[in-house]
Amino acid sequence: MAEKKAVKKKPAKKKAVKKVAKKKVVKKKAKAKRKPNPAFMKPMRISDALAKIVGIKPLPRTEVTKRLWQYIKKNRLQDSVNRRNINADSNLLPVFGGKKTVSMFEMTKLVNRHLS
């Protein structure tokens, strides 16, 4: 019979444990809600051309933009290929200065001309 040789097992190495320094826990103050800029919240007079879309009563710029986008989405005037462009319908043509298609960024510039 074959004799069994005794195999010595190596002792397992101890894993090095990094000590993490305890950091001081600093409670953050709750952030106060940002107040809207009063210039944006001031009601503006709306031109007759723009009034066909957003209404005749004075509105802040932010509300005019919001209602304009509602009109664009409701009437599906956003270009299907290039979503940055807005295609004008008969109500938007006078607001866009007669242009058939304008970009989103150009639109805000053109709409501001109709606010006073």
C-alpha atoms as a PDB file:
ATOM      1  CA  MET A   1       0.000   0.000   0.000  1.00  0.00           C
ATOM      2  CA  ALA A   2       1.043   3.458  -0.667  1.00  0.00           C
ATOM      3  CA  GLU A   3       1.873   5.559   2.262  1.00  0.00           C
ATOM      4  CA  LYS A   4       0.153   8.854   2.576  1.00  0.00           C
ATOM      5  CA  LYS A   5       2.428  11.781   2.852  1.00  0.00           C
ATOM      6  CA  ALA A   6       1.431  14.392   5.285  1.00  0.00           C
ATOM      7  CA  VAL A   7       0.690  17.635   3.500  1.00  0.00           C
ATOM      8  CA  LYS A   8       1.148  20.707   5.581  1.00  0.00           C
ATOM      9  CA  LYS A   9      -1.382  23.401   4.941  1.00  0.00           C
ATOM     10  CA  LYS A  10      -0.122  26.920   4.915  1.00  0.00           C
ATOM     11  CA  PRO A  11      -1.830  29.172   7.414  1.00  0.00           C
ATOM     12  CA  ALA A  12      -4.215  31.687   5.817  1.00  0.00           C
ATOM     13  CA  LYS A  13      -2.821  35.165   5.529  1.00  0.00           C
ATOM     14  CA  LYS A  14      -4.597  37.833   7.447  1.00  0.00           C
ATOM     15  CA  LYS A  15      -6.149  40.463   5.238  1.00  0.00           C
ATOM     16  CA  ALA A  16      -5.040  43.970   5.891  1.00  0.00           C
ATOM     17  CA  VAL A  17      -7.889  46.100   7.106  1.00  0.00           C
ATOM     18  CA  LYS A  18      -7.689  49.789   6.382  1.00  0.00           C
ATOM     19  CA  LYS A  19      -8.745  52.006   9.151  1.00  0.00           C
ATOM     20  CA  VAL A  20     -11.057  54.737   8.011  1.00  0.00           C
ATOM     21  CA  ALA A  21     -10.853  57.944   9.914  1.00  0.00           C
ATOM     22  CA  LYS A  22     -14.198  58.977  11.268  1.00  0.00           C
ATOM     23  CA  LYS A  23     -15.464  62.127   9.667  1.00  0.00           C
ATOM     24  CA  LYS A  24     -17.444  64.674  11.501  1.00  0.00           C
ATOM     25  CA  VAL A  25     -21.043  64.612  10.457  1.00  0.00           C
ATOM     26  CA  VAL A  26     -22.185  68.083   9.602  1.00  0.00           C
ATOM     27  CA  LYS A  27     -25.876  68.615   9.191  1.00  0.00           C
ATOM     28  CA  LYS A  28     -26.717  70.672   6.157  1.00  0.00           C
ATOM     29  CA  LYS A  29     -29.221  73.418   6.490  1.00  0.00           C
ATOM     30  CA  ALA A  30     -32.384  72.938   4.495  1.00  0.00           C
ATOM     31  CA  LYS A  31     -32.171  74.964   1.319  1.00  0.00           C
ATOM     32  CA  ALA A  32     -34.715  77.702   1.028  1.00  0.00           C
ATOM     33  CA  LYS A  33     -36.773  77.672  -2.149  1.00  0.00           C
ATOM     34  CA  ARG A  34     -35.523  80.058  -4.767  1.00  0.00           C
ATOM     35  CA  LYS A  35     -37.623  83.108  -5.205  1.00  0.00           C
ATOM     36  CA  PRO A  36     -38.549  83.880  -8.803  1.00  0.00           C
ATOM     37  CA  ASN A  37     -37.003  86.965 -10.325  1.00  0.00           C
ATOM     38  CA  PRO A  38     -39.561  89.791 -10.084  1.00  0.00           C
ATOM     39  CA  ALA A  39     -38.764  90.897 -13.644  1.00  0.00           C
ATOM     40  CA  PHE A  40     -40.058  87.589 -15.000  1.00  0.00           C
ATOM     41  CA  MET A  41     -43.183  87.689 -12.864  1.00  0.00           C
ATOM     42  CA  LYS A  42     -44.262  91.188 -13.951  1.00  0.00           C
ATOM     43  CA  PRO A  43     -47.423  91.021 -16.096  1.00  0.00           C
ATOM     44  CA  MET A  44     -46.719  92.227 -19.631  1.00  0.00           C
ATOM     45  CA  ARG A  45     -49.075  93.693 -22.208  1.00  0.00           C
ATOM     46  CA  ILE A  46     -49.590  91.335 -25.120  1.00  0.00           C
ATOM     47  CA  SER A  47     -49.843  92.404 -28.777  1.00  0.00           C
ATOM     48  CA  ASP A  48     -52.944  91.598 -30.828  1.00  0.00           C
ATOM     49  CA  ALA A  49     -51.085  88.983 -32.894  1.00  0.00           C
ATOM     50  CA  LEU A  50     -49.895  87.098 -29.799  1.00  0.00           C
ATOM     51  CA  ALA A  51     -53.270  87.537 -28.049  1.00  0.00           C
ATOM     52  CA  LYS A  52     -54.846  85.121 -30.573  1.00  0.00           C
ATOM     53  CA  ILE A  53     -52.680  82.383 -29.051  1.00  0.00           C
ATOM     54  CA  VAL A  54     -52.228  83.168 -25.342  1.00  0.00           C
ATOM     55  CA  GLY A  55     -55.187  85.410 -24.527  1.00  0.00           C
ATOM     56  CA  ILE A  56     -55.654  89.148 -24.112  1.00  0.00           C
ATOM     57  CA  LYS A  57     -55.029  89.735 -20.417  1.00  0.00           C
ATOM     58  CA  PRO A  58     -51.517  90.729 -19.238  1.00  0.00           C
ATOM     59  CA  LEU A  59     -49.339  87.740 -18.310  1.00  0.00           C
ATOM     60  CA  PRO A  60     -45.778  87.255 -17.025  1.00  0.00           C
ATOM     61  CA  ARG A  61     -43.174  86.159 -19.607  1.00  0.00           C
ATOM     62  CA  THR A  62     -42.993  82.696 -18.089  1.00  0.00           C
ATOM     63  CA  GLU A  63     -46.733  82.161 -18.461  1.00  0.00           C
ATOM     64  CA  VAL A  64     -46.677  83.449 -22.065  1.00  0.00           C
ATOM     65  CA  THR A  65     -43.968  80.917 -22.931  1.00  0.00           C
ATOM     66  CA  LYS A  66     -45.869  78.143 -21.173  1.00  0.00           C
ATOM     67  CA  ARG A  67     -49.108  78.887 -23.056  1.00  0.00           C
ATOM     68  CA  LEU A  68     -47.267  79.223 -26.350  1.00  0.00           C
ATOM     69  CA  TRP A  69     -45.778  75.749 -25.921  1.00  0.00           C
ATOM     70  CA  GLN A  70     -49.200  74.357 -25.037  1.00  0.00           C
ATOM     71  CA  TYR A  71     -50.526  75.813 -28.304  1.00  0.00           C
ATOM     72  CA  ILE A  72     -47.594  74.389 -30.295  1.00  0.00           C
ATOM     73  CA  LYS A  73     -47.997  70.899 -28.848  1.00  0.00           C
ATOM     74  CA  LYS A  74     -51.789  70.917 -29.119  1.00  0.00           C
ATOM     75  CA  ASN A  75     -51.626  71.820 -32.822  1.00  0.00           C
ATOM     76  CA  ARG A  76     -48.567  69.615 -33.485  1.00  0.00           C
ATOM     77  CA  LEU A  77     -46.491  72.467 -34.872  1.00  0.00           C
ATOM     78  CA  GLN A  78     -43.127  71.109 -33.749  1.00  0.00           C
ATOM     79  CA  ASP A  79     -41.174  69.806 -36.756  1.00  0.00           C
ATOM     80  CA  SER A  80     -41.223  66.000 -36.817  1.00  0.00           C
ATOM     81  CA  VAL A  81     -37.693  65.643 -38.227  1.00  0.00           C
ATOM     82  CA  ASN A  82     -35.860  68.446 -36.423  1.00  0.00           C
ATOM     83  CA  ARG A  83     -37.634  68.862 -33.085  1.00  0.00           C
ATOM     84  CA  ARG A  84     -35.878  72.203 -32.469  1.00  0.00           C
ATOM     85  CA  ASN A  85     -37.903  73.875 -35.192  1.00  0.00           C
ATOM     86  CA  ILE A  86     -41.436  75.198 -34.941  1.00  0.00           C
ATOM     87  CA  ASN A  87     -43.614  75.331 -38.057  1.00  0.00           C
ATOM     88  CA  ALA A  88     -45.876  78.380 -38.083  1.00  0.00           C
ATOM     89  CA  ASP A  89     -49.596  78.166 -38.745  1.00  0.00           C
ATOM     90  CA  SER A  90     -51.815  81.105 -39.712  1.00  0.00           C
ATOM     91  CA  ASN A  91     -51.924  82.402 -36.098  1.00  0.00           C
ATOM     92  CA  LEU A  92     -48.164  82.145 -35.542  1.00  0.00           C
ATOM     93  CA  LEU A  93     -47.033  83.717 -38.833  1.00  0.00           C
ATOM     94  CA  PRO A  94     -47.512  87.325 -37.620  1.00  0.00           C
ATOM     95  CA  VAL A  95     -45.777  86.491 -34.312  1.00  0.00           C
ATOM     96  CA  PHE A  96     -42.803  84.946 -36.139  1.00  0.00           C
ATOM     97  CA  GLY A  97     -42.469  87.929 -38.469  1.00  0.00           C
ATOM     98  CA  GLY A  98     -43.759  86.044 -41.517  1.00  0.00           C
ATOM     99  CA  LYS A  99     -41.278  83.148 -41.222  1.00  0.00           C
ATOM    100  CA  LYS A 100     -42.684  79.666 -41.892  1.00  0.00           C
ATOM    101  CA  THR A 101     -40.149  77.892 -39.642  1.00  0.00           C
ATOM    102  CA  VAL A 102     -38.169  79.185 -36.665  1.00  0.00           C
ATOM    103  CA  SER A 103     -35.944  77.509 -34.087  1.00  0.00           C
ATOM    104  CA  MET A 104     -36.937  77.340 -30.420  1.00  0.00           C
ATOM    105  CA  PHE A 105     -34.279  79.883 -29.508  1.00  0.00           C
ATOM    106  CA  GLU A 106     -35.279  82.308 -32.246  1.00  0.00           C
ATOM    107  CA  MET A 107     -38.919  81.907 -31.208  1.00  0.00           C
ATOM    108  CA  THR A 108     -38.355  83.425 -27.759  1.00  0.00           C
ATOM    109  CA  LYS A 109     -36.613  86.420 -29.324  1.00  0.00           C
ATOM    110  CA  LEU A 110     -39.499  86.959 -31.750  1.00  0.00           C
ATOM    111  CA  VAL A 111     -42.161  86.547 -29.044  1.00  0.00           C
ATOM    112  CA  ASN A 112     -40.472  89.137 -26.792  1.00  0.00           C
ATOM    113  CA  ARG A 113     -41.111  91.738 -29.483  1.00  0.00           C
ATOM    114  CA  HIS A 114     -44.847  91.226 -28.890  1.00  0.00           C
ATOM    115  CA  LEU A 115     -44.585  91.913 -25.148  1.00  0.00           C
ATOM    116  CA  SER A 116     -44.399  95.375 -23.634  1.00  0.00           C
END
